[in-house]
Amino acid sequence: MKIFIGYVSMSGNTEDMANILEETLLECGCEVDLLDLETVDVHSLKDYDCIFFGAYTWGDGDLPYEVEEFFDDLKKLNLNGVKAACFGSGDTLYPKFCMAVDIMATTLHEQGCDVFEGKLKVELSPEADAEVDECRQFAKSVYQWVNKGEKLTYV
């Protein structure tokens, strides 16, 4: 299974999450391309069995400015049939905790993607064992969903 993990990270928290997802999916036998979303050509996304998008939430619940152009380009694509999953880090001190994850999921759905129902949202950094395990379980759940076509829900 060919997986794309694209992320944008300011403090390294979302990058840490992406690395845990990559490691877990490699253990599942997947071929994984892990890239900063700023460097990705949106047209390459159709080449994957599943795409993961990760971002931190900026300002008042916004996508990071680094990916605004990427998402503008994404909104011009038809991604019917592409499976996708979203993740990100945030800070509950802000009223719109991890809102960028919801924005990404909505955008992917609007472009025709079959978006995994669960969204992985981590407070700040996945440093504690429980948070690392949560990231690993999310990756495994998405893998099973894509691999078997099962409608599994990550909780």
C-alpha atoms as a PDB file:
ATOM      1  CA  MET A   1       0.000   0.000   0.000  1.00  0.00           C
ATOM      2  CA  LYS A   2       1.362   3.400  -1.003  1.00  0.00           C
ATOM      3  CA  ILE A   3       0.829   6.116   1.626  1.00  0.00           C
ATOM      4  CA  PHE A   4       1.490   9.849   1.532  1.00  0.00           C
ATOM      5  CA  ILE A   5       1.983  11.796   4.756  1.00  0.00           C
ATOM      6  CA  GLY A   6       2.137  15.542   4.274  1.00  0.00           C
ATOM      7  CA  TYR A   7       2.466  17.922   7.167  1.00  0.00           C
ATOM      8  CA  VAL A   8       3.401  21.436   8.196  1.00  0.00           C
ATOM      9  CA  SER A   9       4.956  22.045  11.601  1.00  0.00           C
ATOM     10  CA  MET A  10       6.227  25.165  13.342  1.00  0.00           C
ATOM     11  CA  SER A  11       7.463  23.835  16.675  1.00  0.00           C
ATOM     12  CA  GLY A  12       8.044  20.234  15.590  1.00  0.00           C
ATOM     13  CA  ASN A  13       4.964  18.781  17.320  1.00  0.00           C
ATOM     14  CA  THR A  14       3.047  17.923  14.148  1.00  0.00           C
ATOM     15  CA  GLU A  15       6.268  16.662  12.577  1.00  0.00           C
ATOM     16  CA  ASP A  16       6.719  14.339  15.559  1.00  0.00           C
ATOM     17  CA  MET A  17       3.201  13.030  14.970  1.00  0.00           C
ATOM     18  CA  ALA A  18       3.953  12.507  11.263  1.00  0.00           C
ATOM     19  CA  ASN A  19       7.095  10.552  12.135  1.00  0.00           C
ATOM     20  CA  ILE A  20       5.166   8.257  14.489  1.00  0.00           C
ATOM     21  CA  LEU A  21       2.537   7.660  11.782  1.00  0.00           C
ATOM     22  CA  GLU A  22       5.269   6.920   9.230  1.00  0.00           C
ATOM     23  CA  GLU A  23       7.064   4.476  11.537  1.00  0.00           C
ATOM     24  CA  THR A  24       3.813   2.646  12.302  1.00  0.00           C
ATOM     25  CA  LEU A  25       2.754   2.424   8.650  1.00  0.00           C
ATOM     26  CA  LEU A  26       6.209   1.171   7.632  1.00  0.00           C
ATOM     27  CA  GLU A  27       5.828  -1.563  10.272  1.00  0.00           C
ATOM     28  CA  CYS A  28       2.528  -2.472   8.585  1.00  0.00           C
ATOM     29  CA  GLY A  29       4.433  -2.996   5.322  1.00  0.00           C
ATOM     30  CA  CYS A  30       3.403   0.222   3.605  1.00  0.00           C
ATOM     31  CA  GLU A  31       5.496   2.287   1.241  1.00  0.00           C
ATOM     32  CA  VAL A  32       5.448   5.766   2.785  1.00  0.00           C
ATOM     33  CA  ASP A  33       6.381   9.181   1.398  1.00  0.00           C
ATOM     34  CA  LEU A  34       6.716  11.750   4.187  1.00  0.00           C
ATOM     35  CA  LEU A  35       6.987  15.369   3.021  1.00  0.00           C
ATOM     36  CA  ASP A  36       6.469  18.916   4.193  1.00  0.00           C
ATOM     37  CA  LEU A  37       3.257  20.101   2.503  1.00  0.00           C
ATOM     38  CA  GLU A  38       5.031  23.249   1.311  1.00  0.00           C
ATOM     39  CA  THR A  39       7.044  21.094  -1.119  1.00  0.00           C
ATOM     40  CA  VAL A  40       4.216  18.958  -2.537  1.00  0.00           C
ATOM     41  CA  ASP A  41       2.610  19.136  -5.965  1.00  0.00           C
ATOM     42  CA  VAL A  42      -1.101  18.580  -5.314  1.00  0.00           C
ATOM     43  CA  HIS A  43      -1.461  16.620  -8.566  1.00  0.00           C
ATOM     44  CA  SER A  44       0.738  13.828  -7.154  1.00  0.00           C
ATOM     45  CA  LEU A  45      -1.853  12.998  -4.484  1.00  0.00           C
ATOM     46  CA  LYS A  46      -3.864  10.755  -6.809  1.00  0.00           C
ATOM     47  CA  ASP A  47      -0.874   8.374  -6.957  1.00  0.00           C
ATOM     48  CA  TYR A  48      -1.471   7.131  -3.405  1.00  0.00           C
ATOM     49  CA  ASP A  49      -3.785   4.600  -1.780  1.00  0.00           C
ATOM     50  CA  CYS A  50      -4.221   6.985   1.143  1.00  0.00           C
ATOM     51  CA  ILE A  51      -3.112  10.500   2.005  1.00  0.00           C
ATOM     52  CA  PHE A  52      -2.557  11.833   5.518  1.00  0.00           C
ATOM     53  CA  PHE A  53      -2.522  15.595   6.089  1.00  0.00           C
ATOM     54  CA  GLY A  54      -1.209  17.122   9.287  1.00  0.00           C
ATOM     55  CA  ALA A  55      -1.020  20.701  10.490  1.00  0.00           C
ATOM     56  CA  TYR A  56      -0.885  22.832  13.567  1.00  0.00           C
ATOM     57  CA  THR A  57      -3.648  25.383  14.114  1.00  0.00           C
ATOM     58  CA  TRP A  58      -2.680  29.000  13.684  1.00  0.00           C
ATOM     59  CA  GLY A  59      -4.231  32.153  15.109  1.00  0.00           C
ATOM     60  CA  ASP A  60      -7.970  31.943  15.633  1.00  0.00           C
ATOM     61  CA  GLY A  61      -8.459  28.403  14.328  1.00  0.00           C
ATOM     62  CA  ASP A  62      -6.832  28.859  10.915  1.00  0.00           C
ATOM     63  CA  LEU A  63      -4.675  26.765   8.635  1.00  0.00           C
ATOM     64  CA  PRO A  64      -1.014  27.730   8.856  1.00  0.00           C
ATOM     65  CA  TYR A  65      -0.037  30.409   6.335  1.00  0.00           C
ATOM     66  CA  GLU A  66       2.592  28.039   4.867  1.00  0.00           C
ATOM     67  CA  VAL A  67      -0.133  25.834   3.362  1.00  0.00           C
ATOM     68  CA  GLU A  68      -2.686  28.397   2.220  1.00  0.00           C
ATOM     69  CA  GLU A  69      -1.453  28.218  -1.392  1.00  0.00           C
ATOM     70  CA  PHE A  70      -1.344  24.412  -1.259  1.00  0.00           C
ATOM     71  CA  PHE A  71      -4.981  24.278  -0.133  1.00  0.00           C
ATOM     72  CA  ASP A  72      -6.007  26.853  -2.759  1.00  0.00           C
ATOM     73  CA  ASP A  73      -4.490  24.521  -5.399  1.00  0.00           C
ATOM     74  CA  LEU A  74      -6.120  21.504  -3.741  1.00  0.00           C
ATOM     75  CA  LYS A  75      -9.548  23.120  -4.082  1.00  0.00           C
ATOM     76  CA  LYS A  76      -9.124  22.998  -7.880  1.00  0.00           C
ATOM     77  CA  LEU A  77      -8.726  19.195  -7.925  1.00  0.00           C
ATOM     78  CA  ASN A  78     -11.180  16.352  -8.166  1.00  0.00           C
ATOM     79  CA  LEU A  79     -10.009  13.733  -5.688  1.00  0.00           C
ATOM     80  CA  ASN A  80     -12.965  11.352  -5.998  1.00  0.00           C
ATOM     81  CA  GLY A  81     -12.124   7.984  -4.531  1.00  0.00           C
ATOM     82  CA  VAL A  82      -8.927   9.071  -2.780  1.00  0.00           C
ATOM     83  CA  LYS A  83      -8.845   7.960   0.860  1.00  0.00           C
ATOM     84  CA  ALA A  84      -7.617  10.532   3.362  1.00  0.00           C
ATOM     85  CA  ALA A  85      -6.988  11.044   7.070  1.00  0.00           C
ATOM     86  CA  CYS A  86      -6.165  14.183   9.048  1.00  0.00           C
ATOM     87  CA  PHE A  87      -4.097  14.903  12.142  1.00  0.00           C
ATOM     88  CA  GLY A  88      -2.560  17.800  13.996  1.00  0.00           C
ATOM     89  CA  SER A  89      -1.353  19.347  17.179  1.00  0.00           C
ATOM     90  CA  GLY A  90      -2.852  22.210  19.098  1.00  0.00           C
ATOM     91  CA  ASP A  91      -3.161  23.969  22.397  1.00  0.00           C
ATOM     92  CA  THR A  92      -6.372  23.849  24.431  1.00  0.00           C
ATOM     93  CA  LEU A  93      -5.605  27.353  25.733  1.00  0.00           C
ATOM     94  CA  TYR A  94      -7.030  28.545  22.401  1.00  0.00           C
ATOM     95  CA  PRO A  95     -10.801  28.352  21.861  1.00  0.00           C
ATOM     96  CA  LYS A  96     -10.596  26.556  18.503  1.00  0.00           C
ATOM     97  CA  PHE A  97      -8.393  23.609  19.490  1.00  0.00           C
ATOM     98  CA  CYS A  98      -6.948  21.852  16.434  1.00  0.00           C
ATOM     99  CA  MET A  99      -9.440  23.561  14.086  1.00  0.00           C
ATOM    100  CA  ALA A 100      -6.936  23.204  11.205  1.00  0.00           C
ATOM    101  CA  VAL A 101      -7.520  19.430  11.341  1.00  0.00           C
ATOM    102  CA  ASP A 102     -11.246  19.981  10.822  1.00  0.00           C
ATOM    103  CA  ILE A 103     -10.604  22.472   7.996  1.00  0.00           C
ATOM    104  CA  MET A 104      -8.354  19.971   6.217  1.00  0.00           C
ATOM    105  CA  ALA A 105     -10.907  17.168   6.582  1.00  0.00           C
ATOM    106  CA  THR A 106     -13.713  19.370   5.263  1.00  0.00           C
ATOM    107  CA  THR A 107     -11.628  20.534   2.307  1.00  0.00           C
ATOM    108  CA  LEU A 108     -10.641  16.979   1.392  1.00  0.00           C
ATOM    109  CA  HIS A 109     -14.264  15.847   1.635  1.00  0.00           C
ATOM    110  CA  GLU A 110     -15.389  18.743  -0.593  1.00  0.00           C
ATOM    111  CA  GLN A 111     -12.829  17.643  -3.202  1.00  0.00           C
ATOM    112  CA  GLY A 112     -14.313  14.140  -3.276  1.00  0.00           C
ATOM    113  CA  CYS A 113     -12.038  12.300  -0.859  1.00  0.00           C
ATOM    114  CA  ASP A 114     -13.321   9.490   1.300  1.00  0.00           C
ATOM    115  CA  VAL A 115     -12.153  10.944   4.625  1.00  0.00           C
ATOM    116  CA  PHE A 116     -11.551   8.740   7.649  1.00  0.00           C
ATOM    117  CA  GLU A 117     -14.158   9.622  10.275  1.00  0.00           C
ATOM    118  CA  GLY A 118     -11.741   9.999  13.165  1.00  0.00           C
ATOM    119  CA  LYS A 119      -9.293  12.861  13.396  1.00  0.00           C
ATOM    120  CA  LEU A 120      -6.093  12.671  15.406  1.00  0.00           C
ATOM    121  CA  LYS A 121      -5.690  15.742  17.618  1.00  0.00           C
ATOM    122  CA  VAL A 122      -2.880  15.977  20.160  1.00  0.00           C
ATOM    123  CA  GLU A 123      -2.351  18.615  22.836  1.00  0.00           C
ATOM    124  CA  LEU A 124       1.023  20.188  22.060  1.00  0.00           C
ATOM    125  CA  SER A 125       3.520  17.326  21.544  1.00  0.00           C
ATOM    126  CA  PRO A 126       3.092  13.540  21.494  1.00  0.00           C
ATOM    127  CA  GLU A 127       5.666  13.053  24.242  1.00  0.00           C
ATOM    128  CA  ALA A 128       3.779  10.875  26.717  1.00  0.00           C
ATOM    129  CA  ASP A 129       3.442   7.150  26.030  1.00  0.00           C
ATOM    130  CA  ALA A 130      -0.348   7.507  25.840  1.00  0.00           C
ATOM    131  CA  GLU A 131      -0.070  10.130  23.084  1.00  0.00           C
ATOM    132  CA  VAL A 132       2.455   8.068  21.124  1.00  0.00           C
ATOM    133  CA  ASP A 133       0.127   5.066  21.446  1.00  0.00           C
ATOM    134  CA  GLU A 134      -2.784   7.224  20.265  1.00  0.00           C
ATOM    135  CA  CYS A 135      -0.813   8.189  17.135  1.00  0.00           C
ATOM    136  CA  ARG A 136       0.144   4.573  16.486  1.00  0.00           C
ATOM    137  CA  GLN A 137      -3.456   3.362  16.927  1.00  0.00           C
ATOM    138  CA  PHE A 138      -4.706   6.069  14.572  1.00  0.00           C
ATOM    139  CA  ALA A 139      -2.240   4.935  11.885  1.00  0.00           C
ATOM    140  CA  LYS A 140      -3.232   1.276  12.351  1.00  0.00           C
ATOM    141  CA  SER A 141      -6.950   2.103  12.220  1.00  0.00           C
ATOM    142  CA  VAL A 142      -6.565   4.068   8.987  1.00  0.00           C
ATOM    143  CA  TYR A 143      -4.414   1.274   7.542  1.00  0.00           C
ATOM    144  CA  GLN A 144      -7.109  -1.311   8.310  1.00  0.00           C
ATOM    145  CA  TRP A 145      -9.800   0.969   6.882  1.00  0.00           C
ATOM    146  CA  VAL A 146      -7.901   1.423   3.614  1.00  0.00           C
ATOM    147  CA  ASN A 147      -6.636  -2.153   3.378  1.00  0.00           C
ATOM    148  CA  LYS A 148      -9.935  -3.890   4.048  1.00  0.00           C
ATOM    149  CA  GLY A 149     -12.388  -1.196   3.083  1.00  0.00           C
ATOM    150  CA  GLU A 150     -13.779  -1.409   6.593  1.00  0.00           C
ATOM    151  CA  LYS A 151     -15.579   1.545   8.105  1.00  0.00           C
ATOM    152  CA  LEU A 152     -13.575   1.552  11.319  1.00  0.00           C
ATOM    153  CA  THR A 153     -13.755   4.595  13.507  1.00  0.00           C
ATOM    154  CA  TYR A 154     -10.785   5.814  15.490  1.00  0.00           C
ATOM    155  CA  VAL A 155     -11.840   7.049  18.930  1.00  0.00           C
END
